[in-house]
Amino acid sequence: MDSRTIVLTGVTRGFGRESVELLIRERPQDHYVVLARRGGERLAAELAQATGASAVTGVDCDLASLAEIRRAVEEILRGLDTGYLPPLGGYLGNAGLTLTTTEKRTTDGYEMTFGVNVLSHYLLVRELLPRFTGPGWILLTSSDCHFGQFRYTFGATPPRAGRRRNDWPRLVPVARGRPGGRTRQANSASST
């Protein structure tokens, strides 16, 4: 199997951490680039130790800053250009946050939740997309923090307040009869 570079966000704990450890164990030949607000190299070392992988690189990147995201992309592209990183083959965008206020802003002035959960992944994918080699994949996870109509969110978020419970998307079985639905699905997956 050929080695690929996989870029990851939101893998410090919880769902993201469990997912990336499983991914690394399943595909140990790949090179993983983990983006973290602080301590990217420490996180990379932890993941390498937990999985036995040798090709995990950490990059510090505050997803609340478009300049930081562009700097991280430049670092990844430099690794691809020099051959330090194998061809780009995947992106797992799991980073996100939920704040109880809309007053907090990113360094660029956007509302913090929207800036981190939406704009950061958009910019990362947009800047990295030309460098993807096939078969490649992009996976963005979602949460219930952005409310909207089903026709716009495809069920990734609950409907607007005031709607009847019956208007919510129907839960579907996922594994061994356990219910699925919004909390067990990604909102976007595409191949290149």
C-alpha atoms as a PDB file:
ATOM      1  CA  MET A   1       0.000   0.000   0.000  1.00  0.00           C
ATOM      2  CA  ASP A   2       1.200   3.479  -0.825  1.00  0.00           C
ATOM      3  CA  SER A   3       1.836   5.981   1.920  1.00  0.00           C
ATOM      4  CA  ARG A   4      -0.305   9.127   2.030  1.00  0.00           C
ATOM      5  CA  THR A   5      -0.414  12.261   4.148  1.00  0.00           C
ATOM      6  CA  ILE A   6      -3.542  12.637   6.259  1.00  0.00           C
ATOM      7  CA  VAL A   7      -4.252  16.050   7.841  1.00  0.00           C
ATOM      8  CA  LEU A   8      -6.249  15.976  11.083  1.00  0.00           C
ATOM      9  CA  THR A   9      -7.948  18.534  13.340  1.00  0.00           C
ATOM     10  CA  GLY A  10      -9.777  18.017  16.616  1.00  0.00           C
ATOM     11  CA  VAL A  11      -7.941  14.881  17.727  1.00  0.00           C
ATOM     12  CA  THR A  12      -6.788  15.875  21.218  1.00  0.00           C
ATOM     13  CA  ARG A  13      -9.533  13.997  23.083  1.00  0.00           C
ATOM     14  CA  GLY A  14     -12.947  12.346  22.797  1.00  0.00           C
ATOM     15  CA  PHE A  15     -14.344  11.178  19.463  1.00  0.00           C
ATOM     16  CA  GLY A  16     -11.479  12.704  17.499  1.00  0.00           C
ATOM     17  CA  ARG A  17      -8.775  11.052  19.597  1.00  0.00           C
ATOM     18  CA  GLU A  18     -10.409   7.630  19.465  1.00  0.00           C
ATOM     19  CA  SER A  19     -11.006   7.928  15.716  1.00  0.00           C
ATOM     20  CA  VAL A  20      -7.466   8.959  14.852  1.00  0.00           C
ATOM     21  CA  GLU A  21      -5.902   6.229  16.989  1.00  0.00           C
ATOM     22  CA  LEU A  22      -8.040   3.670  15.166  1.00  0.00           C
ATOM     23  CA  LEU A  23      -7.176   5.223  11.795  1.00  0.00           C
ATOM     24  CA  ILE A  24      -3.448   5.179  12.537  1.00  0.00           C
ATOM     25  CA  ARG A  25      -3.598   1.530  13.636  1.00  0.00           C
ATOM     26  CA  GLU A  26      -5.528   0.610  10.476  1.00  0.00           C
ATOM     27  CA  ARG A  27      -3.148   2.489   8.154  1.00  0.00           C
ATOM     28  CA  PRO A  28       0.255   2.677   9.855  1.00  0.00           C
ATOM     29  CA  GLN A  29       1.990   3.329   6.507  1.00  0.00           C
ATOM     30  CA  ASP A  30       0.438   6.816   6.240  1.00  0.00           C
ATOM     31  CA  HIS A  31       1.952  10.031   7.595  1.00  0.00           C
ATOM     32  CA  TYR A  32      -0.380  11.922   9.924  1.00  0.00           C
ATOM     33  CA  VAL A  33      -0.209  15.694  10.372  1.00  0.00           C
ATOM     34  CA  VAL A  34      -2.127  16.762  13.475  1.00  0.00           C
ATOM     35  CA  LEU A  35      -3.082  20.401  13.893  1.00  0.00           C
ATOM     36  CA  ALA A  36      -3.475  21.604  17.478  1.00  0.00           C
ATOM     37  CA  ARG A  37      -3.907  25.025  19.017  1.00  0.00           C
ATOM     38  CA  ARG A  38      -0.891  24.400  21.268  1.00  0.00           C
ATOM     39  CA  GLY A  39       1.441  21.482  21.757  1.00  0.00           C
ATOM     40  CA  GLY A  40       1.148  19.942  18.310  1.00  0.00           C
ATOM     41  CA  GLU A  41       4.475  18.117  18.601  1.00  0.00           C
ATOM     42  CA  ARG A  42       3.549  16.823  22.073  1.00  0.00           C
ATOM     43  CA  LEU A  43       0.213  15.551  20.695  1.00  0.00           C
ATOM     44  CA  ALA A  44       2.033  13.898  17.788  1.00  0.00           C
ATOM     45  CA  ALA A  45       4.394  12.159  20.235  1.00  0.00           C
ATOM     46  CA  GLU A  46       1.434  10.955  22.334  1.00  0.00           C
ATOM     47  CA  LEU A  47      -0.313   9.549  19.271  1.00  0.00           C
ATOM     48  CA  ALA A  48       2.875   7.876  18.062  1.00  0.00           C
ATOM     49  CA  GLN A  49       3.391   6.270  21.464  1.00  0.00           C
ATOM     50  CA  ALA A  50      -0.250   5.165  21.767  1.00  0.00           C
ATOM     51  CA  THR A  51      -0.332   3.591  18.302  1.00  0.00           C
ATOM     52  CA  GLY A  52       3.273   2.570  17.656  1.00  0.00           C
ATOM     53  CA  ALA A  53       3.334   4.753  14.528  1.00  0.00           C
ATOM     54  CA  SER A  54       6.507   6.552  13.568  1.00  0.00           C
ATOM     55  CA  ALA A  55       5.099   9.059  11.061  1.00  0.00           C
ATOM     56  CA  VAL A  56       3.068  11.547  13.075  1.00  0.00           C
ATOM     57  CA  THR A  57       3.869  15.255  12.829  1.00  0.00           C
ATOM     58  CA  GLY A  58       2.390  18.004  14.971  1.00  0.00           C
ATOM     59  CA  VAL A  59       1.724  21.525  13.744  1.00  0.00           C
ATOM     60  CA  ASP A  60       0.604  24.315  16.072  1.00  0.00           C
ATOM     61  CA  CYS A  61      -2.395  26.082  14.544  1.00  0.00           C
ATOM     62  CA  ASP A  62      -5.027  28.222  16.217  1.00  0.00           C
ATOM     63  CA  LEU A  63      -8.149  27.630  14.121  1.00  0.00           C
ATOM     64  CA  ALA A  64      -9.543  30.963  15.330  1.00  0.00           C
ATOM     65  CA  SER A  65      -6.951  32.766  13.193  1.00  0.00           C
ATOM     66  CA  LEU A  66      -7.000  32.700   9.397  1.00  0.00           C
ATOM     67  CA  ALA A  67      -3.332  33.767   9.389  1.00  0.00           C
ATOM     68  CA  GLU A  68      -2.430  30.776  11.598  1.00  0.00           C
ATOM     69  CA  ILE A  69      -4.345  28.463   9.274  1.00  0.00           C
ATOM     70  CA  ARG A  70      -2.510  29.832   6.230  1.00  0.00           C
ATOM     71  CA  ARG A  71       0.824  29.417   8.041  1.00  0.00           C
ATOM     72  CA  ALA A  72      -0.033  25.788   8.891  1.00  0.00           C
ATOM     73  CA  VAL A  73      -1.048  25.135   5.264  1.00  0.00           C
ATOM     74  CA  GLU A  74       2.280  26.594   4.085  1.00  0.00           C
ATOM     75  CA  GLU A  75       4.106  24.255   6.470  1.00  0.00           C
ATOM     76  CA  ILE A  76       2.180  21.246   5.132  1.00  0.00           C
ATOM     77  CA  LEU A  77       2.762  22.288   1.512  1.00  0.00           C
ATOM     78  CA  ARG A  78       6.474  22.743   2.217  1.00  0.00           C
ATOM     79  CA  GLY A  79       6.583  19.180   3.587  1.00  0.00           C
ATOM     80  CA  LEU A  80       4.824  17.900   0.462  1.00  0.00           C
ATOM     81  CA  ASP A  81       7.143  19.868  -1.855  1.00  0.00           C
ATOM     82  CA  THR A  82      10.339  18.677  -0.166  1.00  0.00           C
ATOM     83  CA  GLY A  83       9.252  15.048  -0.024  1.00  0.00           C
ATOM     84  CA  TYR A  84       9.218  14.986   3.787  1.00  0.00           C
ATOM     85  CA  LEU A  85       5.501  14.210   3.502  1.00  0.00           C
ATOM     86  CA  PRO A  86       4.058  11.689   1.035  1.00  0.00           C
ATOM     87  CA  PRO A  87       1.270  12.820  -1.341  1.00  0.00           C
ATOM     88  CA  LEU A  88      -1.822  14.292   0.327  1.00  0.00           C
ATOM     89  CA  GLY A  89      -4.619  11.759   0.530  1.00  0.00           C
ATOM     90  CA  GLY A  90      -6.996  12.668   3.357  1.00  0.00           C
ATOM     91  CA  TYR A  91      -8.417  15.318   5.648  1.00  0.00           C
ATOM     92  CA  LEU A  92     -10.356  14.702   8.858  1.00  0.00           C
ATOM     93  CA  GLY A  93     -11.853  17.956  10.148  1.00  0.00           C
ATOM     94  CA  ASN A  94     -13.166  17.221  13.616  1.00  0.00           C
ATOM     95  CA  ALA A  95     -12.177  20.399  15.476  1.00  0.00           C
ATOM     96  CA  GLY A  96     -15.016  22.488  16.775  1.00  0.00           C
ATOM     97  CA  LEU A  97     -16.368  24.288  19.780  1.00  0.00           C
ATOM     98  CA  THR A  98     -19.617  25.536  21.219  1.00  0.00           C
ATOM     99  CA  LEU A  99     -19.765  28.780  23.166  1.00  0.00           C
ATOM    100  CA  THR A 100     -22.667  30.066  25.226  1.00  0.00           C
ATOM    101  CA  THR A 101     -22.220  33.571  23.872  1.00  0.00           C
ATOM    102  CA  THR A 102     -21.992  35.109  20.435  1.00  0.00           C
ATOM    103  CA  GLU A 103     -19.828  37.938  21.755  1.00  0.00           C
ATOM    104  CA  LYS A 104     -16.490  36.107  21.476  1.00  0.00           C
ATOM    105  CA  ARG A 105     -14.678  36.745  18.177  1.00  0.00           C
ATOM    106  CA  THR A 106     -11.879  35.165  16.198  1.00  0.00           C
ATOM    107  CA  THR A 107      -8.751  37.220  15.584  1.00  0.00           C
ATOM    108  CA  ASP A 108     -10.314  38.163  12.239  1.00  0.00           C
ATOM    109  CA  GLY A 109     -13.562  39.404  13.820  1.00  0.00           C
ATOM    110  CA  TYR A 110     -15.884  36.483  13.036  1.00  0.00           C
ATOM    111  CA  GLU A 111     -18.176  34.987  15.663  1.00  0.00           C
ATOM    112  CA  MET A 112     -15.975  32.356  17.343  1.00  0.00           C
ATOM    113  CA  THR A 113     -18.141  29.234  16.905  1.00  0.00           C
ATOM    114  CA  PHE A 114     -18.756  29.967  13.217  1.00  0.00           C
ATOM    115  CA  GLY A 115     -15.109  30.903  12.658  1.00  0.00           C
ATOM    116  CA  VAL A 116     -13.694  27.714  14.147  1.00  0.00           C
ATOM    117  CA  ASN A 117     -16.403  25.225  13.166  1.00  0.00           C
ATOM    118  CA  VAL A 118     -16.968  26.438   9.605  1.00  0.00           C
ATOM    119  CA  LEU A 119     -14.459  28.956   8.269  1.00  0.00           C
ATOM    120  CA  SER A 120     -11.336  27.161   9.520  1.00  0.00           C
ATOM    121  CA  HIS A 121     -12.243  23.906   7.775  1.00  0.00           C
ATOM    122  CA  TYR A 122     -13.318  25.730   4.637  1.00  0.00           C
ATOM    123  CA  LEU A 123      -9.969  27.512   4.388  1.00  0.00           C
ATOM    124  CA  LEU A 124      -7.931  24.383   5.177  1.00  0.00           C
ATOM    125  CA  VAL A 125      -9.757  22.291   2.580  1.00  0.00           C
ATOM    126  CA  ARG A 126      -9.761  25.056  -0.036  1.00  0.00           C
ATOM    127  CA  GLU A 127      -6.010  25.603   0.292  1.00  0.00           C
ATOM    128  CA  LEU A 128      -5.118  21.891   0.405  1.00  0.00           C
ATOM    129  CA  LEU A 129      -7.569  20.618  -2.238  1.00  0.00           C
ATOM    130  CA  PRO A 130      -5.326  21.258  -5.293  1.00  0.00           C
ATOM    131  CA  ARG A 131      -2.670  19.017  -3.725  1.00  0.00           C
ATOM    132  CA  PHE A 132      -4.900  15.991  -3.104  1.00  0.00           C
ATOM    133  CA  THR A 133      -4.051  12.838  -4.996  1.00  0.00           C
ATOM    134  CA  GLY A 134      -6.619  10.173  -5.752  1.00  0.00           C
ATOM    135  CA  PRO A 135      -8.096   8.250  -4.303  1.00  0.00           C
ATOM    136  CA  GLY A 136      -8.446  10.836  -1.558  1.00  0.00           C
ATOM    137  CA  TRP A 137     -11.050  11.690   1.015  1.00  0.00           C
ATOM    138  CA  ILE A 138     -12.321  14.625   3.043  1.00  0.00           C
ATOM    139  CA  LEU A 139     -14.405  14.076   6.155  1.00  0.00           C
ATOM    140  CA  LEU A 140     -15.948  16.912   8.174  1.00  0.00           C
ATOM    141  CA  THR A 141     -17.767  16.104  11.400  1.00  0.00           C
ATOM    142  CA  SER A 142     -20.673  18.126  12.702  1.00  0.00           C
ATOM    143  CA  SER A 143     -22.405  18.960  15.955  1.00  0.00           C
ATOM    144  CA  ASP A 144     -25.774  20.252  17.063  1.00  0.00           C
ATOM    145  CA  CYS A 145     -24.466  23.744  17.804  1.00  0.00           C
ATOM    146  CA  HIS A 146     -25.740  25.311  14.565  1.00  0.00           C
ATOM    147  CA  PHE A 147     -29.512  25.198  14.314  1.00  0.00           C
ATOM    148  CA  GLY A 148     -31.190  25.388  10.931  1.00  0.00           C
ATOM    149  CA  GLN A 149     -33.807  24.056   8.588  1.00  0.00           C
ATOM    150  CA  PHE A 150     -33.498  20.485   7.369  1.00  0.00           C
ATOM    151  CA  ARG A 151     -33.468  21.585   3.713  1.00  0.00           C
ATOM    152  CA  TYR A 152     -30.220  23.511   4.363  1.00  0.00           C
ATOM    153  CA  THR A 153     -28.521  21.213   6.879  1.00  0.00           C
ATOM    154  CA  PHE A 154     -29.669  17.805   5.553  1.00  0.00           C
ATOM    155  CA  GLY A 155     -30.383  16.726   9.118  1.00  0.00           C
ATOM    156  CA  ALA A 156     -26.912  17.484  10.479  1.00  0.00           C
ATOM    157  CA  THR A 157     -28.510  19.938  12.921  1.00  0.00           C
ATOM    158  CA  PRO A 158     -31.901  20.064  14.605  1.00  0.00           C
ATOM    159  CA  PRO A 159     -34.702  22.108  13.051  1.00  0.00           C
ATOM    160  CA  ARG A 160     -35.631  25.615  14.165  1.00  0.00           C
ATOM    161  CA  ALA A 161     -37.327  26.133  17.497  1.00  0.00           C
ATOM    162  CA  GLY A 162     -41.087  25.897  17.271  1.00  0.00           C
ATOM    163  CA  ARG A 163     -41.176  22.950  14.889  1.00  0.00           C
ATOM    164  CA  ARG A 164     -42.925  19.779  15.927  1.00  0.00           C
ATOM    165  CA  ARG A 165     -40.828  16.810  17.000  1.00  0.00           C
ATOM    166  CA  ASN A 166     -42.255  14.798  14.071  1.00  0.00           C
ATOM    167  CA  ASP A 167     -40.524  17.173  11.648  1.00  0.00           C
ATOM    168  CA  TRP A 168     -37.094  16.025  12.854  1.00  0.00           C
ATOM    169  CA  PRO A 169     -35.194  13.567  10.658  1.00  0.00           C
ATOM    170  CA  ARG A 170     -35.964   9.946  11.444  1.00  0.00           C
ATOM    171  CA  LEU A 171     -33.254   8.100  13.395  1.00  0.00           C
ATOM    172  CA  VAL A 172     -31.787   5.154  11.533  1.00  0.00           C
ATOM    173  CA  PRO A 173     -30.094   2.039  12.906  1.00  0.00           C
ATOM    174  CA  VAL A 174     -26.300   2.303  12.903  1.00  0.00           C
ATOM    175  CA  ALA A 175     -24.790  -0.776  14.485  1.00  0.00           C
ATOM    176  CA  ARG A 176     -26.274  -3.680  16.411  1.00  0.00           C
ATOM    177  CA  GLY A 177     -29.647  -1.991  16.562  1.00  0.00           C
ATOM    178  CA  ARG A 178     -28.380   1.153  18.297  1.00  0.00           C
ATOM    179  CA  PRO A 179     -30.108   4.340  17.169  1.00  0.00           C
ATOM    180  CA  GLY A 180     -28.162   6.717  14.974  1.00  0.00           C
ATOM    181  CA  GLY A 181     -29.054  10.032  13.448  1.00  0.00           C
ATOM    182  CA  ARG A 182     -27.591  13.466  14.020  1.00  0.00           C
ATOM    183  CA  THR A 183     -25.168  12.422  16.764  1.00  0.00           C
ATOM    184  CA  ARG A 184     -23.689   9.517  14.825  1.00  0.00           C
ATOM    185  CA  GLN A 185     -23.086  10.877  11.366  1.00  0.00           C
ATOM    186  CA  ALA A 186     -20.699  13.176   9.615  1.00  0.00           C
ATOM    187  CA  ASN A 187     -22.229  16.036   7.700  1.00  0.00           C
ATOM    188  CA  SER A 188     -19.904  15.818   4.746  1.00  0.00           C
ATOM    189  CA  ALA A 189     -17.781  13.214   3.076  1.00  0.00           C
ATOM    190  CA  SER A 190     -16.451  13.398  -0.427  1.00  0.00           C
ATOM    191  CA  SER A 191     -13.810  11.726  -2.509  1.00  0.00           C
ATOM    192  CA  THR A 192     -11.397  13.255  -4.950  1.00  0.00           C
END
